[in-house]
Amino acid sequence: ALPRTAQECVGCGACEKRCPFHVAVIE
C-alpha cells in the first residue's frame, strides 16, 4: 500500500547523511 517502495531507491545517500544513528539505509 506504500505509494513508493524500496525498489525506487536511487542510492543518493541523502537519508544516510541525515541519520543521527548512521544506519545503512541504502543497504
mmCIF file of all heavy atoms, coordinates in Angstrom:
data_MODEL
# 
_entry.id   MODEL 
# 
loop_
_atom_site.group_PDB 
_atom_site.id 
_atom_site.type_symbol 
_atom_site.label_atom_id 
_atom_site.label_alt_id 
_atom_site.label_comp_id 
_atom_site.label_asym_id 
_atom_site.label_entity_id 
_atom_site.label_seq_id 
_atom_site.pdbx_PDB_ins_code 
_atom_site.Cartn_x 
_atom_site.Cartn_y 
_atom_site.Cartn_z 
_atom_site.occupancy 
_atom_site.B_iso_or_equiv 
_atom_site.pdbx_formal_charge 
_atom_site.auth_seq_id 
_atom_site.auth_comp_id 
_atom_site.auth_asym_id 
_atom_site.auth_atom_id 
_atom_site.pdbx_PDB_model_num 
ATOM 1   N N   . ALA A 1 1  ? 0.808  -1.221 0.000  1.00 0.00 ? 1  ALA A N   1 
ATOM 2   C CA  . ALA A 1 1  ? 0.000  0.000  0.000  1.00 0.00 ? 1  ALA A CA  1 
ATOM 3   C C   . ALA A 1 1  ? 0.843  1.274  0.000  1.00 0.00 ? 1  ALA A C   1 
ATOM 4   O O   . ALA A 1 1  ? 0.312  2.372  -0.188 1.00 0.00 ? 1  ALA A O   1 
ATOM 5   C CB  . ALA A 1 1  ? -0.930 -0.003 1.206  1.00 0.00 ? 1  ALA A CB  1 
ATOM 6   N N   . LEU A 1 2  ? 2.151  1.138  0.198  1.00 0.00 ? 2  LEU A N   1 
ATOM 7   C CA  . LEU A 1 2  ? 3.014  2.323  0.192  1.00 0.00 ? 2  LEU A CA  1 
ATOM 8   C C   . LEU A 1 2  ? 3.021  2.940  -1.216 1.00 0.00 ? 2  LEU A C   1 
ATOM 9   O O   . LEU A 1 2  ? 3.160  2.230  -2.212 1.00 0.00 ? 2  LEU A O   1 
ATOM 10  C CB  . LEU A 1 2  ? 4.441  1.952  0.595  1.00 0.00 ? 2  LEU A CB  1 
ATOM 11  C CG  . LEU A 1 2  ? 4.661  1.486  2.039  1.00 0.00 ? 2  LEU A CG  1 
ATOM 12  C CD1 . LEU A 1 2  ? 6.098  0.990  2.206  1.00 0.00 ? 2  LEU A CD1 1 
ATOM 13  C CD2 . LEU A 1 2  ? 4.370  2.620  3.021  1.00 0.00 ? 2  LEU A CD2 1 
ATOM 14  N N   . PRO A 1 3  ? 2.904  4.264  -1.315 1.00 0.00 ? 3  PRO A N   1 
ATOM 15  C CA  . PRO A 1 3  ? 2.915  4.896  -2.639 1.00 0.00 ? 3  PRO A CA  1 
ATOM 16  C C   . PRO A 1 3  ? 4.260  4.767  -3.355 1.00 0.00 ? 3  PRO A C   1 
ATOM 17  O O   . PRO A 1 3  ? 4.320  4.782  -4.583 1.00 0.00 ? 3  PRO A O   1 
ATOM 18  C CB  . PRO A 1 3  ? 2.576  6.358  -2.328 1.00 0.00 ? 3  PRO A CB  1 
ATOM 19  C CG  . PRO A 1 3  ? 2.909  6.545  -0.888 1.00 0.00 ? 3  PRO A CG  1 
ATOM 20  C CD  . PRO A 1 3  ? 2.656  5.225  -0.235 1.00 0.00 ? 3  PRO A CD  1 
ATOM 21  N N   . ARG A 1 4  ? 5.349  4.663  -2.586 1.00 0.00 ? 4  ARG A N   1 
ATOM 22  C CA  . ARG A 1 4  ? 6.682  4.481  -3.147 1.00 0.00 ? 4  ARG A CA  1 
ATOM 23  C C   . ARG A 1 4  ? 7.365  3.351  -2.386 1.00 0.00 ? 4  ARG A C   1 
ATOM 24  O O   . ARG A 1 4  ? 7.323  3.318  -1.154 1.00 0.00 ? 4  ARG A O   1 
ATOM 25  C CB  . ARG A 1 4  ? 7.529  5.752  -3.028 1.00 0.00 ? 4  ARG A CB  1 
ATOM 26  C CG  . ARG A 1 4  ? 6.949  6.948  -3.770 1.00 0.00 ? 4  ARG A CG  1 
ATOM 27  C CD  . ARG A 1 4  ? 7.143  6.810  -5.273 1.00 0.00 ? 4  ARG A CD  1 
ATOM 28  N NE  . ARG A 1 4  ? 6.699  8.009  -5.973 1.00 0.00 ? 4  ARG A NE  1 
ATOM 29  C CZ  . ARG A 1 4  ? 5.453  8.237  -6.370 1.00 0.00 ? 4  ARG A CZ  1 
ATOM 30  N NH1 . ARG A 1 4  ? 4.511  7.340  -6.120 1.00 0.00 ? 4  ARG A NH1 1 
ATOM 31  N NH2 . ARG A 1 4  ? 5.132  9.355  -6.993 1.00 0.00 ? 4  ARG A NH2 1 
ATOM 32  N N   . THR A 1 5  ? 7.983  2.430  -3.084 1.00 0.00 ? 5  THR A N   1 
ATOM 33  C CA  . THR A 1 5  ? 8.605  1.286  -2.427 1.00 0.00 ? 5  THR A CA  1 
ATOM 34  C C   . THR A 1 5  ? 10.123 1.319  -2.567 1.00 0.00 ? 5  THR A C   1 
ATOM 35  O O   . THR A 1 5  ? 10.675 2.168  -3.269 1.00 0.00 ? 5  THR A O   1 
ATOM 36  C CB  . THR A 1 5  ? 8.052  -0.032 -3.001 1.00 0.00 ? 5  THR A CB  1 
ATOM 37  O OG1 . THR A 1 5  ? 8.297  -0.053 -4.413 1.00 0.00 ? 5  THR A OG1 1 
ATOM 38  C CG2 . THR A 1 5  ? 6.563  -0.155 -2.731 1.00 0.00 ? 5  THR A CG2 1 
ATOM 39  N N   . ALA A 1 6  ? 10.765 0.367  -1.912 1.00 0.00 ? 6  ALA A N   1 
ATOM 40  C CA  . ALA A 1 6  ? 12.225 0.373  -1.825 1.00 0.00 ? 6  ALA A CA  1 
ATOM 41  C C   . ALA A 1 6  ? 12.909 0.264  -3.177 1.00 0.00 ? 6  ALA A C   1 
ATOM 42  O O   . ALA A 1 6  ? 14.033 0.760  -3.348 1.00 0.00 ? 6  ALA A O   1 
ATOM 43  C CB  . ALA A 1 6  ? 12.689 -0.760 -0.913 1.00 0.00 ? 6  ALA A CB  1 
ATOM 44  N N   . GLN A 1 7  ? 12.270 -0.358 -4.164 1.00 0.00 ? 7  GLN A N   1 
ATOM 45  C CA  . GLN A 1 7  ? 12.925 -0.528 -5.463 1.00 0.00 ? 7  GLN A CA  1 
ATOM 46  C C   . GLN A 1 7  ? 13.161 0.817  -6.165 1.00 0.00 ? 7  GLN A C   1 
ATOM 47  O O   . GLN A 1 7  ? 13.949 0.903  -7.106 1.00 0.00 ? 7  GLN A O   1 
ATOM 48  C CB  . GLN A 1 7  ? 12.097 -1.427 -6.370 1.00 0.00 ? 7  GLN A CB  1 
ATOM 49  C CG  . GLN A 1 7  ? 10.789 -0.824 -6.865 1.00 0.00 ? 7  GLN A CG  1 
ATOM 50  C CD  . GLN A 1 7  ? 10.067 -1.739 -7.834 1.00 0.00 ? 7  GLN A CD  1 
ATOM 51  O OE1 . GLN A 1 7  ? 10.503 -2.879 -8.061 1.00 0.00 ? 7  GLN A OE1 1 
ATOM 52  N NE2 . GLN A 1 7  ? 8.983  -1.274 -8.409 1.00 0.00 ? 7  GLN A NE2 1 
ATOM 53  N N   . GLU A 1 8  ? 12.490 1.856  -5.687 1.00 0.00 ? 8  GLU A N   1 
ATOM 54  C CA  . GLU A 1 8  ? 12.657 3.177  -6.290 1.00 0.00 ? 8  GLU A CA  1 
ATOM 55  C C   . GLU A 1 8  ? 13.830 3.947  -5.691 1.00 0.00 ? 8  GLU A C   1 
ATOM 56  O O   . GLU A 1 8  ? 14.107 5.078  -6.101 1.00 0.00 ? 8  GLU A O   1 
ATOM 57  C CB  . GLU A 1 8  ? 11.357 3.971  -6.158 1.00 0.00 ? 8  GLU A CB  1 
ATOM 58  C CG  . GLU A 1 8  ? 10.196 3.324  -6.918 1.00 0.00 ? 8  GLU A CG  1 
ATOM 59  C CD  . GLU A 1 8  ? 8.878  4.045  -6.709 1.00 0.00 ? 8  GLU A CD  1 
ATOM 60  O OE1 . GLU A 1 8  ? 8.809  5.225  -7.087 1.00 0.00 ? 8  GLU A OE1 1 
ATOM 61  O OE2 . GLU A 1 8  ? 7.936  3.422  -6.192 1.00 0.00 ? 8  GLU A OE2 1 
ATOM 62  N N   . CYS A 1 9  ? 14.511 3.352  -4.720 1.00 0.00 ? 9  CYS A N   1 
ATOM 63  C CA  . CYS A 1 9  ? 15.687 3.993  -4.137 1.00 0.00 ? 9  CYS A CA  1 
ATOM 64  C C   . CYS A 1 9  ? 16.792 4.090  -5.187 1.00 0.00 ? 9  CYS A C   1 
ATOM 65  O O   . CYS A 1 9  ? 17.127 3.100  -5.844 1.00 0.00 ? 9  CYS A O   1 
ATOM 66  C CB  . CYS A 1 9  ? 16.189 3.189  -2.942 1.00 0.00 ? 9  CYS A CB  1 
ATOM 67  S SG  . CYS A 1 9  ? 17.740 3.787  -2.229 1.00 0.00 ? 9  CYS A SG  1 
ATOM 68  N N   . VAL A 1 10 ? 17.380 5.282  -5.346 1.00 0.00 ? 10 VAL A N   1 
ATOM 69  C CA  . VAL A 1 10 ? 18.450 5.501  -6.324 1.00 0.00 ? 10 VAL A CA  1 
ATOM 70  C C   . VAL A 1 10 ? 19.827 5.544  -5.666 1.00 0.00 ? 10 VAL A C   1 
ATOM 71  O O   . VAL A 1 10 ? 20.831 5.798  -6.330 1.00 0.00 ? 10 VAL A O   1 
ATOM 72  C CB  . VAL A 1 10 ? 18.208 6.795  -7.131 1.00 0.00 ? 10 VAL A CB  1 
ATOM 73  C CG1 . VAL A 1 10 ? 16.935 6.673  -7.954 1.00 0.00 ? 10 VAL A CG1 1 
ATOM 74  C CG2 . VAL A 1 10 ? 18.143 8.010  -6.205 1.00 0.00 ? 10 VAL A CG2 1 
ATOM 75  N N   . GLY A 1 11 ? 19.834 5.307  -4.331 1.00 0.00 ? 11 GLY A N   1 
ATOM 76  C CA  . GLY A 1 11 ? 21.113 5.263  -3.633 1.00 0.00 ? 11 GLY A CA  1 
ATOM 77  C C   . GLY A 1 11 ? 21.821 6.597  -3.542 1.00 0.00 ? 11 GLY A C   1 
ATOM 78  O O   . GLY A 1 11 ? 23.054 6.652  -3.491 1.00 0.00 ? 11 GLY A O   1 
ATOM 79  N N   . CYS A 1 12 ? 21.051 7.692  -3.485 1.00 0.00 ? 12 CYS A N   1 
ATOM 80  C CA  . CYS A 1 12 ? 21.673 9.024  -3.426 1.00 0.00 ? 12 CYS A CA  1 
ATOM 81  C C   . CYS A 1 12 ? 22.357 9.292  -2.093 1.00 0.00 ? 12 CYS A C   1 
ATOM 82  O O   . CYS A 1 12 ? 23.256 10.129 -2.002 1.00 0.00 ? 12 CYS A O   1 
ATOM 83  C CB  . CYS A 1 12 ? 20.640 10.105 -3.729 1.00 0.00 ? 12 CYS A CB  1 
ATOM 84  S SG  . CYS A 1 12 ? 19.375 10.314 -2.437 1.00 0.00 ? 12 CYS A SG  1 
ATOM 85  N N   . GLY A 1 13 ? 21.902 8.605  -1.032 1.00 0.00 ? 13 GLY A N   1 
ATOM 86  C CA  . GLY A 1 13 ? 22.546 8.748  0.272  1.00 0.00 ? 13 GLY A CA  1 
ATOM 87  C C   . GLY A 1 13 ? 22.099 9.946  1.088  1.00 0.00 ? 13 GLY A C   1 
ATOM 88  O O   . GLY A 1 13 ? 22.640 10.188 2.176  1.00 0.00 ? 13 GLY A O   1 
ATOM 89  N N   . ALA A 1 14 ? 21.111 10.697 0.601  1.00 0.00 ? 14 ALA A N   1 
ATOM 90  C CA  . ALA A 1 14 ? 20.642 11.863 1.355  1.00 0.00 ? 14 ALA A CA  1 
ATOM 91  C C   . ALA A 1 14 ? 20.139 11.449 2.735  1.00 0.00 ? 14 ALA A C   1 
ATOM 92  O O   . ALA A 1 14 ? 20.362 12.139 3.735  1.00 0.00 ? 14 ALA A O   1 
ATOM 93  C CB  . ALA A 1 14 ? 19.533 12.567 0.585  1.00 0.00 ? 14 ALA A CB  1 
ATOM 94  N N   . CYS A 1 15 ? 19.450 10.316 2.811  1.00 0.00 ? 15 CYS A N   1 
ATOM 95  C CA  . CYS A 1 15 ? 18.916 9.820  4.082  1.00 0.00 ? 15 CYS A CA  1 
ATOM 96  C C   . CYS A 1 15 ? 20.028 9.466  5.057  1.00 0.00 ? 15 CYS A C   1 
ATOM 97  O O   . CYS A 1 15 ? 19.963 9.770  6.247  1.00 0.00 ? 15 CYS A O   1 
ATOM 98  C CB  . CYS A 1 15 ? 18.020 8.616  3.834  1.00 0.00 ? 15 CYS A CB  1 
ATOM 99  S SG  . CYS A 1 15 ? 18.769 7.362  2.772  1.00 0.00 ? 15 CYS A SG  1 
ATOM 100 N N   . GLU A 1 16 ? 21.057 8.818  4.559  1.00 0.00 ? 16 GLU A N   1 
ATOM 101 C CA  . GLU A 1 16 ? 22.154 8.387  5.429  1.00 0.00 ? 16 GLU A CA  1 
ATOM 102 C C   . GLU A 1 16 ? 22.898 9.580  6.014  1.00 0.00 ? 16 GLU A C   1 
ATOM 103 O O   . GLU A 1 16 ? 23.374 9.521  7.146  1.00 0.00 ? 16 GLU A O   1 
ATOM 104 C CB  . GLU A 1 16 ? 23.113 7.478  4.657  1.00 0.00 ? 16 GLU A CB  1 
ATOM 105 C CG  . GLU A 1 16 ? 22.499 6.124  4.296  1.00 0.00 ? 16 GLU A CG  1 
ATOM 106 C CD  . GLU A 1 16 ? 23.524 5.138  3.753  1.00 0.00 ? 16 GLU A CD  1 
ATOM 107 O OE1 . GLU A 1 16 ? 24.687 5.539  3.527  1.00 0.00 ? 16 GLU A OE1 1 
ATOM 108 O OE2 . GLU A 1 16 ? 23.154 3.962  3.550  1.00 0.00 ? 16 GLU A OE2 1 
ATOM 109 N N   . LYS A 1 17 ? 22.982 10.652 5.253  1.00 0.00 ? 17 LYS A N   1 
ATOM 110 C CA  . LYS A 1 17 ? 23.670 11.844 5.754  1.00 0.00 ? 17 LYS A CA  1 
ATOM 111 C C   . LYS A 1 17 ? 22.897 12.488 6.901  1.00 0.00 ? 17 LYS A C   1 
ATOM 112 O O   . LYS A 1 17 ? 23.494 13.122 7.773  1.00 0.00 ? 17 LYS A O   1 
ATOM 113 C CB  . LYS A 1 17 ? 23.843 12.854 4.619  1.00 0.00 ? 17 LYS A CB  1 
ATOM 114 C CG  . LYS A 1 17 ? 24.821 12.403 3.536  1.00 0.00 ? 17 LYS A CG  1 
ATOM 115 C CD  . LYS A 1 17 ? 24.845 13.376 2.380  1.00 0.00 ? 17 LYS A CD  1 
ATOM 116 C CE  . LYS A 1 17 ? 25.755 12.875 1.258  1.00 0.00 ? 17 LYS A CE  1 
ATOM 117 N NZ  . LYS A 1 17 ? 25.728 13.761 0.063  1.00 0.00 ? 17 LYS A NZ  1 
ATOM 118 N N   . ARG A 1 18 ? 21.574 12.315 6.900  1.00 0.00 ? 18 ARG A N   1 
ATOM 119 C CA  . ARG A 1 18 ? 20.754 12.936 7.942  1.00 0.00 ? 18 ARG A CA  1 
ATOM 120 C C   . ARG A 1 18 ? 20.542 12.034 9.152  1.00 0.00 ? 18 ARG A C   1 
ATOM 121 O O   . ARG A 1 18 ? 20.072 12.494 10.192 1.00 0.00 ? 18 ARG A O   1 
ATOM 122 C CB  . ARG A 1 18 ? 19.384 13.319 7.363  1.00 0.00 ? 18 ARG A CB  1 
ATOM 123 C CG  . ARG A 1 18 ? 19.408 14.503 6.410  1.00 0.00 ? 18 ARG A CG  1 
ATOM 124 C CD  . ARG A 1 18 ? 17.998 14.984 6.107  1.00 0.00 ? 18 ARG A CD  1 
ATOM 125 N NE  . ARG A 1 18 ? 17.226 13.991 5.375  1.00 0.00 ? 18 ARG A NE  1 
ATOM 126 C CZ  . ARG A 1 18 ? 17.124 13.963 4.052  1.00 0.00 ? 18 ARG A CZ  1 
ATOM 127 N NH1 . ARG A 1 18 ? 17.763 14.867 3.319  1.00 0.00 ? 18 ARG A NH1 1 
ATOM 128 N NH2 . ARG A 1 18 ? 16.398 13.036 3.457  1.00 0.00 ? 18 ARG A NH2 1 
ATOM 129 N N   . CYS A 1 19 ? 20.837 10.761 9.037  1.00 0.00 ? 19 CYS A N   1 
ATOM 130 C CA  . CYS A 1 19 ? 20.553 9.809  10.119 1.00 0.00 ? 19 CYS A CA  1 
ATOM 131 C C   . CYS A 1 19 ? 21.489 10.019 11.303 1.00 0.00 ? 19 CYS A C   1 
ATOM 132 O O   . CYS A 1 19 ? 22.708 9.860  11.164 1.00 0.00 ? 19 CYS A O   1 
ATOM 133 C CB  . CYS A 1 19 ? 20.684 8.372  9.613  1.00 0.00 ? 19 CYS A CB  1 
ATOM 134 S SG  . CYS A 1 19 ? 20.352 7.152  10.903 1.00 0.00 ? 19 CYS A SG  1 
ATOM 135 N N   . PRO A 1 20 ? 20.962 10.345 12.493 1.00 0.00 ? 20 PRO A N   1 
ATOM 136 C CA  . PRO A 1 20 ? 21.820 10.555 13.670 1.00 0.00 ? 20 PRO A CA  1 
ATOM 137 C C   . PRO A 1 20 ? 22.501 9.275  14.142 1.00 0.00 ? 20 PRO A C   1 
ATOM 138 O O   . PRO A 1 20 ? 23.461 9.334  14.903 1.00 0.00 ? 20 PRO A O   1 
ATOM 139 C CB  . PRO A 1 20 ? 20.838 11.069 14.737 1.00 0.00 ? 20 PRO A CB  1 
ATOM 140 C CG  . PRO A 1 20 ? 19.613 11.486 14.000 1.00 0.00 ? 20 PRO A CG  1 
ATOM 141 C CD  . PRO A 1 20 ? 19.550 10.589 12.803 1.00 0.00 ? 20 PRO A CD  1 
ATOM 142 N N   . PHE A 1 21 ? 21.978 8.110  13.680 1.00 0.00 ? 21 PHE A N   1 
ATOM 143 C CA  . PHE A 1 21 ? 22.485 6.828  14.186 1.00 0.00 ? 21 PHE A CA  1 
ATOM 144 C C   . PHE A 1 21 ? 23.284 6.064  13.129 1.00 0.00 ? 21 PHE A C   1 
ATOM 145 O O   . PHE A 1 21 ? 23.633 4.905  13.335 1.00 0.00 ? 21 PHE A O   1 
ATOM 146 C CB  . PHE A 1 21 ? 21.314 5.990  14.699 1.00 0.00 ? 21 PHE A CB  1 
ATOM 147 C CG  . PHE A 1 21 ? 20.456 6.736  15.677 1.00 0.00 ? 21 PHE A CG  1 
ATOM 148 C CD1 . PHE A 1 21 ? 19.186 7.173  15.319 1.00 0.00 ? 21 PHE A CD1 1 
ATOM 149 C CD2 . PHE A 1 21 ? 20.927 7.047  16.937 1.00 0.00 ? 21 PHE A CD2 1 
ATOM 150 C CE1 . PHE A 1 21 ? 18.399 7.889  16.205 1.00 0.00 ? 21 PHE A CE1 1 
ATOM 151 C CE2 . PHE A 1 21 ? 20.157 7.764  17.837 1.00 0.00 ? 21 PHE A CE2 1 
ATOM 152 C CZ  . PHE A 1 21 ? 18.891 8.186  17.473 1.00 0.00 ? 21 PHE A CZ  1 
ATOM 153 N N   . HIS A 1 22 ? 23.554 6.728  12.006 1.00 0.00 ? 22 HIS A N   1 
ATOM 154 C CA  . HIS A 1 22 ? 24.399 6.168  10.946 1.00 0.00 ? 22 HIS A CA  1 
ATOM 155 C C   . HIS A 1 22 ? 23.919 4.790  10.473 1.00 0.00 ? 22 HIS A C   1 
ATOM 156 O O   . HIS A 1 22 ? 24.695 3.845  10.320 1.00 0.00 ? 22 HIS A O   1 
ATOM 157 C CB  . HIS A 1 22 ? 25.866 6.102  11.412 1.00 0.00 ? 22 HIS A CB  1 
ATOM 158 C CG  . HIS A 1 22 ? 26.369 7.415  11.936 1.00 0.00 ? 22 HIS A CG  1 
ATOM 159 N ND1 . HIS A 1 22 ? 26.646 7.633  13.275 1.00 0.00 ? 22 HIS A ND1 1 
ATOM 160 C CD2 . HIS A 1 22 ? 26.605 8.585  11.309 1.00 0.00 ? 22 HIS A CD2 1 
ATOM 161 C CE1 . HIS A 1 22 ? 27.049 8.871  13.438 1.00 0.00 ? 22 HIS A CE1 1 
ATOM 162 N NE2 . HIS A 1 22 ? 27.036 9.483  12.261 1.00 0.00 ? 22 HIS A NE2 1 
ATOM 163 N N   . VAL A 1 23 ? 22.610 4.698  10.241 1.00 0.00 ? 23 VAL A N   1 
ATOM 164 C CA  . VAL A 1 23 ? 22.015 3.463  9.738  1.00 0.00 ? 23 VAL A CA  1 
ATOM 165 C C   . VAL A 1 23 ? 22.384 3.291  8.266  1.00 0.00 ? 23 VAL A C   1 
ATOM 166 O O   . VAL A 1 23 ? 22.401 4.262  7.500  1.00 0.00 ? 23 VAL A O   1 
ATOM 167 C CB  . VAL A 1 23 ? 20.487 3.486  9.913  1.00 0.00 ? 23 VAL A CB  1 
ATOM 168 C CG1 . VAL A 1 23 ? 19.829 2.286  9.243  1.00 0.00 ? 23 VAL A CG1 1 
ATOM 169 C CG2 . VAL A 1 23 ? 20.130 3.535  11.394 1.00 0.00 ? 23 VAL A CG2 1 
ATOM 170 N N   . ALA A 1 24 ? 22.650 2.035  7.857  1.00 0.00 ? 24 ALA A N   1 
ATOM 171 C CA  . ALA A 1 24 ? 22.949 1.730  6.455  1.00 0.00 ? 24 ALA A CA  1 
ATOM 172 C C   . ALA A 1 24 ? 21.638 1.668  5.673  1.00 0.00 ? 24 ALA A C   1 
ATOM 173 O O   . ALA A 1 24 ? 21.143 0.593  5.301  1.00 0.00 ? 24 ALA A O   1 
ATOM 174 C CB  . ALA A 1 24 ? 23.720 0.419  6.351  1.00 0.00 ? 24 ALA A CB  1 
ATOM 175 N N   . VAL A 1 25 ? 21.065 2.834  5.401  1.00 0.00 ? 25 VAL A N   1 
ATOM 176 C CA  . VAL A 1 25 ? 19.738 2.909  4.798  1.00 0.00 ? 25 VAL A CA  1 
ATOM 177 C C   . VAL A 1 25 ? 19.718 2.316  3.392  1.00 0.00 ? 25 VAL A C   1 
ATOM 178 O O   . VAL A 1 25 ? 18.796 1.584  3.020  1.00 0.00 ? 25 VAL A O   1 
ATOM 179 C CB  . VAL A 1 25 ? 19.238 4.367  4.769  1.00 0.00 ? 25 VAL A CB  1 
ATOM 180 C CG1 . VAL A 1 25 ? 17.849 4.431  4.120  1.00 0.00 ? 25 VAL A CG1 1 
ATOM 181 C CG2 . VAL A 1 25 ? 19.190 4.954  6.168  1.00 0.00 ? 25 VAL A CG2 1 
ATOM 182 N N   . ILE A 1 26 ? 20.727 2.629  2.592  1.00 0.00 ? 26 ILE A N   1 
ATOM 183 C CA  . ILE A 1 26 ? 20.748 2.143  1.211  1.00 0.00 ? 26 ILE A CA  1 
ATOM 184 C C   . ILE A 1 26 ? 20.740 0.620  1.175  1.00 0.00 ? 26 ILE A C   1 
ATOM 185 O O   . ILE A 1 26 ? 20.015 -0.003 0.382  1.00 0.00 ? 26 ILE A O   1 
ATOM 186 C CB  . ILE A 1 26 ? 21.970 2.697  0.458  1.00 0.00 ? 26 ILE A CB  1 
ATOM 187 C CG1 . ILE A 1 26 ? 21.876 4.224  0.355  1.00 0.00 ? 26 ILE A CG1 1 
ATOM 188 C CG2 . ILE A 1 26 ? 22.087 2.079  -0.931 1.00 0.00 ? 26 ILE A CG2 1 
ATOM 189 C CD1 . ILE A 1 26 ? 23.130 4.876  -0.219 1.00 0.00 ? 26 ILE A CD1 1 
ATOM 190 N N   . GLU A 1 27 ? 21.495 -0.005 2.067  1.00 0.00 ? 27 GLU A N   1 
ATOM 191 C CA  . GLU A 1 27 ? 21.511 -1.470 2.143  1.00 0.00 ? 27 GLU A CA  1 
ATOM 192 C C   . GLU A 1 27 ? 20.156 -1.994 2.590  1.00 0.00 ? 27 GLU A C   1 
ATOM 193 O O   . GLU A 1 27 ? 19.668 -3.014 2.082  1.00 0.00 ? 27 GLU A O   1 
ATOM 194 C CB  . GLU A 1 27 ? 22.607 -1.926 3.103  1.00 0.00 ? 27 GLU A CB  1 
ATOM 195 C CG  . GLU A 1 27 ? 22.630 -3.434 3.391  1.00 0.00 ? 27 GLU A CG  1 
ATOM 196 C CD  . GLU A 1 27 ? 22.823 -4.301 2.152  1.00 0.00 ? 27 GLU A CD  1 
ATOM 197 O OE1 . GLU A 1 27 ? 23.271 -3.790 1.104  1.00 0.00 ? 27 GLU A OE1 1 
ATOM 198 O OE2 . GLU A 1 27 ? 22.506 -5.500 2.229  1.00 0.00 ? 27 GLU A OE2 1 
# 
